[in-house]
Amino acid sequence: MDRKTKSNEDLYTPSLWCKRMDPNTVVNKHIEIVQLISEKIKKSRYSISTNIRYGSGDQQLLDVYEDELTSLDYTFVYIHGGYWQDLNKDISAYCVEPLVNAGIRVVIPGYDLAPKVTLHNIVEEIHQLLSYLKDCLKYKNIWLGGHSAGAHLAASMIHSEVNENIGVKGFILISGIFDLNPLLETSINKPLKLNKETCLQLSPLNSLCGLDFTNFMSQVHVKVLVVYAENDSPAFHFQSKQFTKFLDKLGLEVTEERINGVDHFDIVENLANKDYSLTKTIINFILN
């Protein structure tokens, strides 16, 4: 399938590009898999603090997973996807076990979803999340990551975190969307109600334009990891490659990686496996 000849509706419908199963079943199967893993994690030996409120929104709650027997100097915050309108934190703990075993605290936040709130509201909720982690929970060495729409939300924090608060040490962006404009004429936009102006405002590819982090990077080390699946659509490939080049030109240290043999869904489902290449990459990226 050629990115130029396919509609944006198809290009931004990840289930159509899955080679493992029928497009009509892949999303439900994904939810089933991550829910089972997350339920297992919640019953595990890890110290779990659930539903900590970080803001006034209905879904502004977070879960913390850690091992009380291990000194945890690093915190990974993982923001779930779902096109800003689906999924939740309760089924998004699938990355927890290998990271906590490696000595990394994991925070899984929820956030309010469209159409109940706007995308602008959701981005602001992530700002509130980071403020709460730093000011109230006193976490340091925070690494902010996310999948798909969650990668967009994480990337939306680069401007303020690098330029102002210097609270996040790195960003891990998995199969993300960094330019919202292609979504305008798709069904994805119906609950989002984006227009050309809000697309510009809320696209990291645009909001970071004109910045230069070169001098900043000589003083504070911030890393960005941009990854995508071999069987993501060409549009997701393009967005990740485009954003990598963009961040590099701004002076940030950015690494791009394609994960072979996976698609938009099992690229993160497999994070439950300590031997999975992306799991190892994330752990090394945070600890080294």
Protein backbone atom coordinates (compact mmCIF):
# COMPACT_ATOMS: atom_id res chain seq x y z
CA MET A 1 0.00 0.00 0.00
CA ASP A 2 1.33 3.38 -0.97
CA ARG A 3 1.02 6.30 1.44
CA LYS A 4 0.34 8.64 -1.46
CA THR A 5 -2.54 6.64 -2.90
CA LYS A 6 -4.28 5.62 0.32
CA SER A 7 -6.72 7.91 2.10
CA ASN A 8 -5.79 9.36 5.46
CA GLU A 9 -8.70 7.38 6.90
CA ASP A 10 -6.91 4.16 5.93
CA LEU A 11 -3.43 5.38 6.77
CA TYR A 12 -4.48 6.34 10.30
CA THR A 13 -6.49 3.17 10.94
CA PRO A 14 -3.77 0.92 12.39
CA SER A 15 -5.93 -2.23 12.38
CA LEU A 16 -5.90 -2.23 8.55
CA TRP A 17 -2.13 -2.76 8.58
CA CYS A 18 -1.98 -5.67 11.01
CA LYS A 19 -0.75 -8.85 9.30
CA ARG A 20 -1.45 -11.16 12.26
CA MET A 21 -5.24 -11.14 12.24
CA ASP A 22 -8.37 -9.71 10.68
CA PRO A 23 -8.68 -5.90 10.99
CA ASN A 24 -12.12 -6.31 12.54
CA THR A 25 -10.74 -8.31 15.46
CA VAL A 26 -7.31 -6.80 16.18
CA VAL A 27 -8.45 -3.92 18.41
CA ASN A 28 -10.66 -6.12 20.59
CA LYS A 29 -7.84 -8.66 20.81
CA HIS A 30 -5.42 -5.92 21.81
CA ILE A 31 -7.72 -4.79 24.61
CA GLU A 32 -8.15 -8.39 25.76
CA ILE A 33 -4.37 -8.96 25.87
CA VAL A 34 -3.41 -5.76 27.69
CA GLN A 35 -6.29 -6.16 30.15
CA LEU A 36 -5.18 -9.69 31.09
CA ILE A 37 -1.57 -8.57 31.59
CA SER A 38 -2.61 -5.53 33.60
CA GLU A 39 -4.90 -7.55 35.85
CA LYS A 40 -2.05 -9.96 36.55
CA ILE A 41 0.26 -7.07 37.44
CA LYS A 42 -2.28 -5.65 39.88
CA LYS A 43 -2.26 -8.98 41.73
CA SER A 44 1.55 -9.21 41.79
CA ARG A 45 4.06 -8.60 44.55
CA TYR A 46 4.73 -5.03 43.48
CA SER A 47 3.80 -2.17 45.75
CA ILE A 48 0.89 -0.53 44.00
CA SER A 49 -0.61 2.84 44.88
CA THR A 50 -3.76 3.21 42.81
CA ASN A 51 -6.05 6.06 41.84
CA ILE A 52 -3.89 8.88 43.18
CA ARG A 53 -5.61 12.09 42.14
CA TYR A 54 -3.43 14.60 40.29
CA GLY A 55 -6.16 16.94 38.98
CA SER A 56 -9.86 17.68 39.12
CA GLY A 57 -10.87 15.75 35.97
CA ASP A 58 -12.80 12.52 36.38
CA GLN A 59 -9.95 10.45 34.93
CA GLN A 60 -7.05 12.46 36.35
CA LEU A 61 -5.86 9.56 38.46
CA LEU A 62 -2.57 7.68 38.40
CA ASP A 63 -1.21 4.32 39.53
CA VAL A 64 2.33 3.82 40.85
CA TYR A 65 4.16 0.50 40.60
CA GLU A 66 7.41 -0.05 42.46
CA ASP A 67 9.43 -2.56 44.44
CA GLU A 68 9.84 -1.44 48.04
CA LEU A 69 12.94 -3.61 48.39
CA THR A 70 14.76 -1.77 45.62
CA SER A 71 16.01 1.81 45.57
CA LEU A 72 14.20 3.42 42.64
CA ASP A 73 16.02 6.48 41.35
CA TYR A 74 14.27 6.45 37.98
CA THR A 75 10.61 6.90 37.10
CA PHE A 76 9.00 5.98 33.79
CA VAL A 77 5.62 7.57 33.07
CA TYR A 78 3.67 5.68 30.40
CA ILE A 79 0.73 7.41 28.69
CA HIS A 80 -1.74 5.11 26.95
CA GLY A 81 -3.04 5.60 23.41
CA GLY A 82 -6.54 5.29 21.98
CA TYR A 83 -6.71 8.40 19.77
CA TRP A 84 -7.42 10.57 22.84
CA GLN A 85 -10.90 9.03 23.00
CA ASP A 86 -10.54 5.42 24.13
CA LEU A 87 -8.65 3.03 26.48
CA ASN A 88 -7.65 3.81 30.07
CA LYS A 89 -4.90 3.42 32.65
CA ASP A 90 -6.41 0.30 34.20
CA ILE A 91 -5.55 -1.81 31.14
CA SER A 92 -2.23 -0.10 30.43
CA ALA A 93 0.13 -1.63 33.01
CA TYR A 94 1.60 -4.18 30.60
CA CYS A 95 5.07 -2.58 30.63
CA VAL A 96 5.39 -2.68 34.43
CA GLU A 97 7.04 -5.98 35.36
CA PRO A 98 10.31 -5.85 33.38
CA LEU A 99 10.89 -2.19 34.23
CA VAL A 100 10.26 -2.52 37.97
CA ASN A 101 12.49 -5.60 38.02
CA ALA A 102 15.19 -3.42 36.42
CA GLY A 103 14.84 -0.84 39.21
CA ILE A 104 12.55 1.62 37.47
CA ARG A 105 9.38 2.94 39.10
CA VAL A 106 6.43 2.97 36.66
CA VAL A 107 3.59 5.51 36.73
CA ILE A 108 0.49 4.84 34.63
CA PRO A 109 -1.76 7.93 34.43
CA GLY A 110 -5.30 8.28 33.23
CA TYR A 111 -6.67 11.37 31.52
CA ASP A 112 -10.08 12.59 30.44
CA LEU A 113 -11.11 11.63 26.93
CA ALA A 114 -12.79 13.31 23.95
CA PRO A 115 -15.52 14.26 23.30
CA LYS A 116 -16.03 15.01 27.01
CA VAL A 117 -13.02 17.31 26.91
CA THR A 118 -11.00 18.90 24.11
CA LEU A 119 -7.52 17.85 23.08
CA HIS A 120 -6.27 21.15 24.47
CA ASN A 121 -7.72 20.13 27.84
CA ILE A 122 -6.02 16.73 27.63
CA VAL A 123 -2.62 18.30 26.93
CA GLU A 124 -3.11 20.58 29.92
CA GLU A 125 -3.91 17.56 32.08
CA ILE A 126 -0.51 16.05 31.21
CA HIS A 127 1.14 19.31 32.28
CA GLN A 128 -0.72 18.96 35.58
CA LEU A 129 0.43 15.35 35.85
CA LEU A 130 4.10 16.28 35.57
CA SER A 131 3.72 19.12 38.06
CA TYR A 132 2.14 16.71 40.53
CA LEU A 133 4.89 14.11 40.11
CA LYS A 134 7.63 16.69 40.67
CA ASP A 135 6.06 18.98 43.26
CA CYS A 136 3.87 16.62 45.30
CA LEU A 137 5.45 13.17 44.92
CA LYS A 138 8.94 14.70 44.64
CA TYR A 139 9.99 12.35 41.84
CA LYS A 140 13.23 13.07 40.03
CA ASN A 141 14.80 11.48 36.96
CA ILE A 142 11.44 11.27 35.20
CA TRP A 143 11.22 9.66 31.77
CA LEU A 144 8.03 10.41 29.86
CA GLY A 145 6.73 7.96 27.29
CA GLY A 146 3.61 7.00 25.45
CA HIS A 147 2.10 5.01 22.63
CA SER A 148 0.28 6.46 19.62
CA ALA A 149 -1.88 9.31 20.99
CA GLY A 150 0.07 8.89 24.22
CA ALA A 151 3.28 9.57 22.30
CA HIS A 152 1.70 12.78 21.01
CA LEU A 153 0.89 13.83 24.58
CA ALA A 154 4.41 13.03 25.75
CA ALA A 155 5.92 14.94 22.81
CA SER A 156 3.66 17.89 23.63
CA MET A 157 5.62 18.27 26.88
CA ILE A 158 9.01 18.69 25.22
CA HIS A 159 8.71 22.47 24.89
CA SER A 160 7.94 23.24 28.52
CA GLU A 161 10.00 20.47 30.08
CA VAL A 162 13.18 21.21 28.17
CA ASN A 163 12.79 24.98 28.07
CA GLU A 164 11.40 25.70 31.51
CA ASN A 165 11.16 23.04 34.21
CA ILE A 166 13.96 20.68 33.18
CA GLY A 167 12.11 17.98 35.07
CA VAL A 168 11.96 15.25 32.43
CA LYS A 169 15.26 13.60 31.53
CA GLY A 170 14.05 11.94 28.38
CA PHE A 171 11.12 11.07 26.13
CA ILE A 172 10.17 7.66 24.70
CA LEU A 173 7.74 8.03 21.80
CA ILE A 174 6.23 4.83 20.41
CA SER A 175 4.32 4.89 17.08
CA GLY A 176 3.28 8.47 17.65
CA ILE A 177 1.41 11.20 15.82
CA PHE A 178 3.25 14.51 15.82
CA ASP A 179 1.40 16.33 13.04
CA LEU A 180 -2.37 16.35 13.53
CA ASN A 181 -3.29 17.84 10.18
CA PRO A 182 -3.81 14.50 8.38
CA LEU A 183 -6.54 13.65 10.90
CA LEU A 184 -8.74 16.62 9.98
CA GLU A 185 -10.84 14.88 7.35
CA THR A 186 -11.02 11.50 9.07
CA SER A 187 -13.59 9.94 11.39
CA ILE A 188 -10.97 10.14 14.14
CA ASN A 189 -11.59 13.88 14.26
CA LYS A 190 -15.34 13.67 14.90
CA PRO A 191 -15.04 13.56 18.71
CA LEU A 192 -11.91 15.74 18.68
CA LYS A 193 -13.44 18.59 16.62
CA LEU A 194 -10.04 19.84 15.53
CA ASN A 195 -9.73 22.59 12.93
CA LYS A 196 -6.71 23.94 11.06
CA GLU A 197 -5.87 26.38 13.83
CA THR A 198 -6.07 23.88 16.67
CA CYS A 199 -4.10 21.35 14.63
CA LEU A 200 -1.27 23.85 14.38
CA GLN A 201 -1.44 24.72 18.06
CA LEU A 202 -1.48 21.12 19.23
CA SER A 203 0.96 19.49 16.78
CA PRO A 204 4.44 19.10 18.35
CA LEU A 205 5.88 19.28 14.85
CA ASN A 206 4.58 22.85 14.64
CA SER A 207 4.64 24.06 18.26
CA LEU A 208 8.39 23.42 18.56
CA CYS A 209 9.21 25.32 15.35
CA GLY A 210 11.84 28.01 15.68
CA LEU A 211 13.31 26.72 18.94
CA ASP A 212 17.00 25.98 19.36
CA PHE A 213 18.04 23.63 22.16
CA THR A 214 21.74 23.55 21.24
CA ASN A 215 22.94 25.77 24.10
CA PHE A 216 20.62 24.04 26.56
CA MET A 217 21.92 20.60 25.61
CA SER A 218 25.48 21.64 26.42
CA GLN A 219 24.38 22.04 30.04
CA VAL A 220 21.60 19.47 30.57
CA HIS A 221 21.42 16.08 28.87
CA VAL A 222 17.95 15.25 27.50
CA LYS A 223 17.41 12.26 25.20
CA VAL A 224 14.52 11.37 22.91
CA LEU A 225 13.77 7.88 21.58
CA VAL A 226 11.40 7.68 18.60
CA VAL A 227 10.32 4.17 17.67
CA TYR A 228 7.77 2.71 15.29
CA ALA A 229 6.66 -0.73 14.14
CA GLU A 230 7.67 -2.39 10.90
CA ASN A 231 3.98 -3.07 10.25
CA ASP A 232 2.74 0.36 11.22
CA SER A 233 1.20 2.17 8.25
CA PRO A 234 3.47 4.29 6.01
CA ALA A 235 1.93 7.38 7.62
CA PHE A 236 3.18 6.37 11.06
CA HIS A 237 6.61 5.60 9.57
CA PHE A 238 6.66 9.01 7.93
CA GLN A 239 5.57 10.86 11.09
CA SER A 240 8.25 9.20 13.22
CA LYS A 241 11.03 9.82 10.69
CA GLN A 242 9.90 13.40 10.11
CA PHE A 243 9.76 14.15 13.85
CA THR A 244 13.18 12.58 14.42
CA LYS A 245 14.78 14.82 11.78
CA PHE A 246 12.93 17.81 13.19
CA LEU A 247 14.15 17.23 16.77
CA ASP A 248 17.69 16.64 15.54
CA LYS A 249 17.68 20.02 13.77
CA LEU A 250 16.50 21.66 17.01
CA GLY A 251 19.61 20.36 18.74
CA LEU A 252 18.11 17.55 20.82
CA GLU A 253 19.77 14.14 21.08
CA VAL A 254 17.31 11.86 19.30
CA THR A 255 17.45 8.19 18.36
CA GLU A 256 15.12 6.61 15.80
CA GLU A 257 14.45 2.88 15.70
CA ARG A 258 12.16 0.60 13.70
CA ILE A 259 11.01 -2.48 15.60
CA ASN A 260 10.84 -5.35 13.13
CA GLY A 261 8.18 -8.05 13.08
CA VAL A 262 5.53 -6.08 15.00
CA ASP A 263 2.58 -3.81 14.27
CA HIS A 264 0.88 -0.87 15.96
CA PHE A 265 -0.55 -3.12 18.68
CA ASP A 266 1.99 -5.79 19.59
CA ILE A 267 4.78 -3.21 19.56
CA VAL A 268 3.52 -2.36 23.05
CA GLU A 269 1.82 -5.64 24.01
CA ASN A 270 5.28 -7.22 23.94
CA LEU A 271 6.59 -4.78 26.56
CA ALA A 272 5.46 -7.36 29.13
CA ASN A 273 8.37 -9.53 27.94
CA LYS A 274 11.79 -8.77 29.46
CA ASP A 275 13.55 -10.31 26.45
CA TYR A 276 11.69 -8.18 23.87
CA SER A 277 14.04 -5.85 22.01
CA LEU A 278 12.07 -2.67 22.76
CA THR A 279 11.83 -3.56 26.46
CA LYS A 280 15.62 -3.87 26.59
CA THR A 281 16.03 -0.64 24.62
CA ILE A 282 13.79 1.32 26.99
CA ILE A 283 15.55 -0.01 30.09
CA ASN A 284 18.99 0.80 28.65
CA PHE A 285 17.78 4.19 27.47
CA ILE A 286 16.64 5.10 31.00
CA LEU A 287 19.46 3.60 33.03
CA ASN A 288 22.44 4.55 30.84
